[in-house]
Protein backbone atom coordinates (compact mmCIF):
# COMPACT_ATOMS: atom_id res chain seq x y z
CA MET A 1 25.05 -13.83 -5.15
CA TYR A 2 23.99 -10.58 -3.62
CA SER A 3 22.45 -7.42 -5.05
CA LEU A 4 23.03 -3.75 -4.31
CA GLY A 5 20.67 -0.95 -3.38
CA PHE A 6 21.32 2.77 -3.47
CA ILE A 7 19.24 5.51 -1.90
CA GLU A 8 20.14 9.19 -2.04
CA THR A 9 18.81 11.84 0.31
CA MET A 10 19.20 15.55 0.74
CA GLY A 11 20.80 15.94 4.15
CA TYR A 12 23.04 14.00 6.47
CA VAL A 13 20.54 13.39 9.27
CA PRO A 14 17.78 12.11 6.96
CA ALA A 15 20.32 9.68 5.46
CA PHE A 16 20.83 8.09 8.88
CA GLN A 17 17.08 7.88 9.44
CA VAL A 18 16.71 6.14 6.07
CA ALA A 19 19.63 3.78 6.77
CA ASP A 20 18.13 2.80 10.11
CA THR A 21 14.71 2.24 8.55
CA MET A 22 16.15 0.04 5.79
CA ALA A 23 18.20 -2.05 8.21
CA LYS A 24 15.13 -2.68 10.36
CA ALA A 25 12.81 -3.41 7.42
CA ALA A 26 14.78 -6.22 5.77
CA ASP A 27 17.83 -8.44 6.07
CA VAL A 28 20.28 -6.09 4.35
CA GLU A 29 23.76 -4.89 5.21
CA ILE A 30 24.66 -1.22 5.04
CA VAL A 31 28.03 -1.23 3.32
CA LYS A 32 28.79 2.38 2.54
CA LYS A 33 27.79 6.00 3.02
CA VAL A 34 28.93 8.43 0.36
CA TRP A 35 28.93 12.17 0.91
CA VAL A 36 28.25 13.34 -2.64
CA GLY A 37 28.36 17.06 -1.90
CA ALA A 38 25.87 19.94 -1.90
CA GLY A 39 23.96 18.12 0.85
CA LEU A 40 23.47 14.86 -1.03
CA VAL A 41 24.22 11.60 0.79
CA THR A 42 24.01 8.13 -0.77
CA ILE A 43 23.58 4.99 1.33
CA VAL A 44 24.62 1.69 -0.27
CA ILE A 45 23.16 -1.61 0.95
CA LYS A 46 23.64 -5.22 -0.09
CA GLY A 47 21.61 -8.38 0.29
CA GLU A 48 19.20 -10.60 -1.61
CA ILE A 49 17.23 -8.74 -4.29
CA SER A 50 13.88 -9.20 -2.53
CA ALA A 51 15.33 -7.79 0.69
CA ILE A 52 16.86 -4.89 -1.25
CA HIS A 53 13.47 -3.99 -2.73
CA THR A 54 11.79 -4.19 0.67
CA ALA A 55 14.47 -2.04 2.28
CA LEU A 56 14.43 0.54 -0.51
CA ASP A 57 10.63 0.82 -0.35
CA ALA A 58 10.79 1.40 3.41
CA GLY A 59 13.70 3.84 3.10
CA ALA A 60 12.03 5.79 0.30
CA ALA A 61 8.84 6.07 2.35
CA ALA A 62 10.80 7.40 5.34
CA ALA A 63 12.64 9.93 3.16
CA ASN A 64 9.42 11.03 1.45
CA GLN A 65 7.88 11.86 4.84
CA THR A 66 10.45 14.63 5.25
CA GLY A 67 10.75 15.49 1.55
CA CYS A 68 14.41 14.41 1.40
CA LEU A 69 14.34 11.58 -1.17
CA GLU A 70 16.41 12.28 -4.27
CA ALA A 71 16.75 8.83 -5.88
CA CYS A 72 16.81 5.10 -5.25
CA LEU A 73 18.04 2.19 -7.34
CA ALA A 74 18.30 -1.60 -7.05
CA VAL A 75 20.99 -3.47 -9.00
CA ALA A 76 20.46 -7.23 -9.18
CA HIS A 77 23.70 -9.22 -9.39
CA PRO A 78 26.05 -6.29 -10.06
CA ALA A 79 29.01 -6.69 -12.39
CA LYS A 80 32.35 -7.20 -10.64
CA SER A 81 33.66 -4.02 -12.26
CA LEU A 82 30.82 -2.03 -10.68
CA VAL A 83 31.56 -3.51 -7.27
CA ARG A 84 35.24 -2.60 -7.66
CA MET A 85 34.37 0.91 -8.83
CA ILE A 86 32.24 1.50 -5.75
CA GLY A 87 34.90 0.04 -3.50
CA ILE A 88 32.89 -2.73 -1.88
CA GLU A 89 34.61 -5.92 -0.77
CA GLU A 90 33.01 -9.15 -1.97
């Protein structure tokens, strides 16, 4: 079973930098980009929990370099209702 990771940045361009950094840092799949509004962008990744943590650490470090990190979260073995709510195919 996979886990989910979420990282939120202030700004569209920093979100792509973070997504690229996470994809290169660990074996994770970028599954969704959500434009929250007011400049906030959330990137959703999935993979094994250890890879999620590695990717989030790398992504958070990249976002912190430009002062754009708003939040990050890892969810181990998400509930099916959460996966449906987010709109991710299993």
